[in-house]
Every structure is written in structure tokens, then in C-alpha cells.
Amino acid sequence: MNIIIDTHIFLWLIYDVKRVNKEHLRYIKDLNNTIYLSSISIAEIAIKKSIGKLDVDFDMFEILDDMGFDILDFDGKSALHLGLLPFFHRDPFDRMIISQGISHNYKIITVDKKFVQYNCKLL
């Protein structure tokens, strides 16, 4: 199964794994699943760090490699689908991750309740 983890899930896995739901952890640890961190999450972390809204200190690519996660680039198909999404959620980073999940037919792990309003597959 292909799974995108939302930005907060990624950060919790690094800094406070106890916050991650046990069922979500089971999916993440299952070697039969491919776990993706969206390039949008990387941008969100970089932007929030640069403006002082997030205090993180790790090598993004090293930690992704250590965790065995892949990066999901934001492609044209996802960008086009983004324009079709209703504005239930105003956070642009989350909207792009939702768009990726829908356009690639991947499941998403998040605790953000606004994702439920969209036609995306959640775990």
C-alpha cells in the first residue's frame, strides 16, 4: 500500500513518537507499505523553520533514508487536481497533500479532521 504521512506525523515520529496512533504506527512499520513524505511537507518544514515558527534540527534526507521513507514530488497531475478541490481546508500545504493523495490514489495518515471532508483515502 502507498501511504503519504502528513507533516505533523513525520515530526511526531522524530520528536514524540508516543503521539502517533498505534494503528498508524503499524501501517508505517509494515515493510509491505511504501511510506511517502510529500515534497510539500519538506517545503512546509523549511518555510516554518526559516520564519521561526518551527524549531527543528535534523538532516532531512538523512532522516528520511534512516526511516526508509520516499519523497513524493508534487507533480502536474496533483497541481491540476488542486484547482478542483473545494475550500473546506484553507491550509495550502494540507490542500496540496490532499491533492496528491487523491490524484495518485494513495492513502494518507493524518489526525487533521478537515481531511475527512475530501474524497481522499485516510487511515
C-alpha atoms as a PDB file:
ATOM      1  CA  MET A   1       0.000   0.000   0.000  1.00  0.00           C
ATOM      2  CA  ASN A   2       1.202   3.528  -0.792  1.00  0.00           C
ATOM      3  CA  ILE A   3       0.826   5.918   2.139  1.00  0.00           C
ATOM      4  CA  ILE A   4       1.535   9.636   2.497  1.00  0.00           C
ATOM      5  CA  ILE A   5       2.217  10.795   6.041  1.00  0.00           C
ATOM      6  CA  ASP A   6       1.135  14.314   6.940  1.00  0.00           C
ATOM      7  CA  THR A   7       3.804  16.736   8.156  1.00  0.00           C
ATOM      8  CA  HIS A   8       2.850  16.538  11.830  1.00  0.00           C
ATOM      9  CA  ILE A   9       3.016  12.729  11.767  1.00  0.00           C
ATOM     10  CA  PHE A  10       6.560  12.935  10.379  1.00  0.00           C
ATOM     11  CA  LEU A  11       7.610  15.394  13.084  1.00  0.00           C
ATOM     12  CA  TRP A  12       5.999  13.289  15.806  1.00  0.00           C
ATOM     13  CA  LEU A  13       7.890  10.229  14.562  1.00  0.00           C
ATOM     14  CA  ILE A  14      11.110  12.189  15.104  1.00  0.00           C
ATOM     15  CA  TYR A  15      10.359  14.112  18.289  1.00  0.00           C
ATOM     16  CA  ASP A  16       7.440  12.469  20.126  1.00  0.00           C
ATOM     17  CA  VAL A  17       6.552   9.045  18.708  1.00  0.00           C
ATOM     18  CA  LYS A  18       4.095   8.428  21.590  1.00  0.00           C
ATOM     19  CA  ARG A  19       1.731  10.916  19.929  1.00  0.00           C
ATOM     20  CA  VAL A  20       1.396   8.686  16.858  1.00  0.00           C
ATOM     21  CA  ASN A  21      -1.646   6.416  16.943  1.00  0.00           C
ATOM     22  CA  LYS A  22      -0.663   2.742  17.384  1.00  0.00           C
ATOM     23  CA  GLU A  23      -2.623   1.704  14.309  1.00  0.00           C
ATOM     24  CA  HIS A  24      -0.869   4.383  12.257  1.00  0.00           C
ATOM     25  CA  LEU A  25       2.477   3.137  13.561  1.00  0.00           C
ATOM     26  CA  ARG A  26       1.573  -0.385  12.483  1.00  0.00           C
ATOM     27  CA  TYR A  27       0.992   0.837   8.900  1.00  0.00           C
ATOM     28  CA  ILE A  28       4.204   2.879   8.938  1.00  0.00           C
ATOM     29  CA  LYS A  29       6.307  -0.032  10.211  1.00  0.00           C
ATOM     30  CA  ASP A  30       4.781  -2.568   7.807  1.00  0.00           C
ATOM     31  CA  LEU A  31       7.518  -3.245   5.245  1.00  0.00           C
ATOM     32  CA  ASN A  32       4.863  -4.138   2.647  1.00  0.00           C
ATOM     33  CA  ASN A  33       3.831  -0.469   2.590  1.00  0.00           C
ATOM     34  CA  THR A  34       5.667   2.343   0.837  1.00  0.00           C
ATOM     35  CA  ILE A  35       5.680   5.405   3.075  1.00  0.00           C
ATOM     36  CA  TYR A  36       5.982   8.809   1.440  1.00  0.00           C
ATOM     37  CA  LEU A  37       6.741  12.219   2.810  1.00  0.00           C
ATOM     38  CA  SER A  38       5.456  14.790   0.375  1.00  0.00           C
ATOM     39  CA  SER A  39       7.873  17.348  -1.027  1.00  0.00           C
ATOM     40  CA  ILE A  40       5.202  19.770   0.204  1.00  0.00           C
ATOM     41  CA  SER A  41       5.936  18.686   3.808  1.00  0.00           C
ATOM     42  CA  ILE A  42       9.620  19.346   3.212  1.00  0.00           C
ATOM     43  CA  ALA A  43       8.756  22.839   1.954  1.00  0.00           C
ATOM     44  CA  GLU A  44       6.401  23.430   4.898  1.00  0.00           C
ATOM     45  CA  ILE A  45       9.080  22.454   7.423  1.00  0.00           C
ATOM     46  CA  ALA A  46      11.715  24.599   5.665  1.00  0.00           C
ATOM     47  CA  ILE A  47       9.430  27.651   5.476  1.00  0.00           C
ATOM     48  CA  LYS A  48       8.224  27.374   9.072  1.00  0.00           C
ATOM     49  CA  LYS A  49      11.807  26.903  10.277  1.00  0.00           C
ATOM     50  CA  SER A  50      13.011  29.957   8.309  1.00  0.00           C
ATOM     51  CA  ILE A  51      10.333  32.236   9.807  1.00  0.00           C
ATOM     52  CA  GLY A  52      10.807  30.927  13.346  1.00  0.00           C
ATOM     53  CA  LYS A  53       7.518  29.018  13.642  1.00  0.00           C
ATOM     54  CA  LEU A  54       9.261  25.654  13.918  1.00  0.00           C
ATOM     55  CA  ASP A  55      12.445  24.759  15.772  1.00  0.00           C
ATOM     56  CA  VAL A  56      13.867  21.638  14.139  1.00  0.00           C
ATOM     57  CA  ASP A  57      17.413  20.481  13.688  1.00  0.00           C
ATOM     58  CA  PHE A  58      17.966  17.420  11.525  1.00  0.00           C
ATOM     59  CA  ASP A  59      19.230  16.493   8.092  1.00  0.00           C
ATOM     60  CA  MET A  60      16.013  15.893   6.150  1.00  0.00           C
ATOM     61  CA  PHE A  61      17.446  13.451   3.629  1.00  0.00           C
ATOM     62  CA  GLU A  62      19.449  11.524   6.198  1.00  0.00           C
ATOM     63  CA  ILE A  63      16.436  11.026   8.454  1.00  0.00           C
ATOM     64  CA  LEU A  64      14.184  10.042   5.534  1.00  0.00           C
ATOM     65  CA  ASP A  65      16.784   7.486   4.483  1.00  0.00           C
ATOM     66  CA  ASP A  66      17.101   6.179   8.064  1.00  0.00           C
ATOM     67  CA  MET A  67      13.314   5.820   8.310  1.00  0.00           C
ATOM     68  CA  GLY A  68      13.079   4.185   4.890  1.00  0.00           C
ATOM     69  CA  PHE A  69      10.629   6.783   3.577  1.00  0.00           C
ATOM     70  CA  ASP A  70      10.411   8.002  -0.007  1.00  0.00           C
ATOM     71  CA  ILE A  71       9.784  11.554  -1.153  1.00  0.00           C
ATOM     72  CA  LEU A  72       6.655  12.158  -3.211  1.00  0.00           C
ATOM     73  CA  ASP A  73       7.245  15.063  -5.576  1.00  0.00           C
ATOM     74  CA  PHE A  74       4.389  17.448  -6.248  1.00  0.00           C
ATOM     75  CA  ASP A  75       3.655  16.849  -9.922  1.00  0.00           C
ATOM     76  CA  GLY A  76       1.473  18.436 -12.586  1.00  0.00           C
ATOM     77  CA  LYS A  77      -1.357  15.951 -12.077  1.00  0.00           C
ATOM     78  CA  SER A  78      -1.563  16.882  -8.403  1.00  0.00           C
ATOM     79  CA  ALA A  79      -1.338  20.588  -9.240  1.00  0.00           C
ATOM     80  CA  LEU A  80      -4.254  20.344 -11.662  1.00  0.00           C
ATOM     81  CA  HIS A  81      -6.323  18.411  -9.144  1.00  0.00           C
ATOM     82  CA  LEU A  82      -5.566  21.047  -6.507  1.00  0.00           C
ATOM     83  CA  GLY A  83      -7.609  23.545  -8.513  1.00  0.00           C
ATOM     84  CA  LEU A  84     -10.646  21.265  -8.289  1.00  0.00           C
ATOM     85  CA  LEU A  85     -10.667  20.939  -4.501  1.00  0.00           C
ATOM     86  CA  PRO A  86     -13.384  22.776  -2.571  1.00  0.00           C
ATOM     87  CA  PHE A  87     -12.161  25.130   0.174  1.00  0.00           C
ATOM     88  CA  PHE A  88     -13.057  23.038   3.207  1.00  0.00           C
ATOM     89  CA  HIS A  89      -9.464  23.401   4.333  1.00  0.00           C
ATOM     90  CA  ARG A  90      -7.600  26.676   3.852  1.00  0.00           C
ATOM     91  CA  ASP A  91      -4.082  25.458   4.721  1.00  0.00           C
ATOM     92  CA  PRO A  92      -2.267  25.380   1.345  1.00  0.00           C
ATOM     93  CA  PHE A  93       0.220  22.695   2.454  1.00  0.00           C
ATOM     94  CA  ASP A  94      -2.557  20.350   3.551  1.00  0.00           C
ATOM     95  CA  ARG A  95      -4.584  21.039   0.414  1.00  0.00           C
ATOM     96  CA  MET A  96      -1.592  20.031  -1.725  1.00  0.00           C
ATOM     97  CA  ILE A  97      -1.066  16.823   0.275  1.00  0.00           C
ATOM     98  CA  ILE A  98      -4.781  16.021  -0.090  1.00  0.00           C
ATOM     99  CA  SER A  99      -4.483  16.644  -3.825  1.00  0.00           C
ATOM    100  CA  GLN A 100      -1.517  14.254  -4.040  1.00  0.00           C
ATOM    101  CA  GLY A 101      -3.404  11.561  -2.177  1.00  0.00           C
ATOM    102  CA  ILE A 102      -6.409  11.844  -4.456  1.00  0.00           C
ATOM    103  CA  SER A 103      -4.552  12.192  -7.759  1.00  0.00           C
ATOM    104  CA  HIS A 104      -2.225   9.236  -7.020  1.00  0.00           C
ATOM    105  CA  ASN A 105      -4.863   7.166  -5.205  1.00  0.00           C
ATOM    106  CA  TYR A 106      -2.604   6.919  -2.120  1.00  0.00           C
ATOM    107  CA  LYS A 107      -3.811   6.702   1.458  1.00  0.00           C
ATOM    108  CA  ILE A 108      -2.973   9.478   3.916  1.00  0.00           C
ATOM    109  CA  ILE A 109      -2.099   9.274   7.590  1.00  0.00           C
ATOM    110  CA  THR A 110      -3.107  12.409   9.467  1.00  0.00           C
ATOM    111  CA  VAL A 111      -5.023  13.421  12.571  1.00  0.00           C
ATOM    112  CA  ASP A 112      -6.307  16.579  10.881  1.00  0.00           C
ATOM    113  CA  LYS A 113     -10.088  16.188  10.953  1.00  0.00           C
ATOM    114  CA  LYS A 114     -10.572  18.530   7.981  1.00  0.00           C
ATOM    115  CA  PHE A 115      -9.139  15.885   5.632  1.00  0.00           C
ATOM    116  CA  VAL A 116     -12.335  13.841   6.130  1.00  0.00           C
ATOM    117  CA  GLN A 117     -14.292  16.438   4.139  1.00  0.00           C
ATOM    118  CA  TYR A 118     -12.390  15.498   0.995  1.00  0.00           C
ATOM    119  CA  ASN A 119     -12.624  12.448  -1.207  1.00  0.00           C
ATOM    120  CA  CYS A 120      -9.231  11.181  -0.070  1.00  0.00           C
ATOM    121  CA  LYS A 121      -8.462   7.812   1.476  1.00  0.00           C
ATOM    122  CA  LEU A 122      -7.455   8.089   5.113  1.00  0.00           C
ATOM    123  CA  LEU A 123      -6.042   5.522   7.508  1.00  0.00           C
END
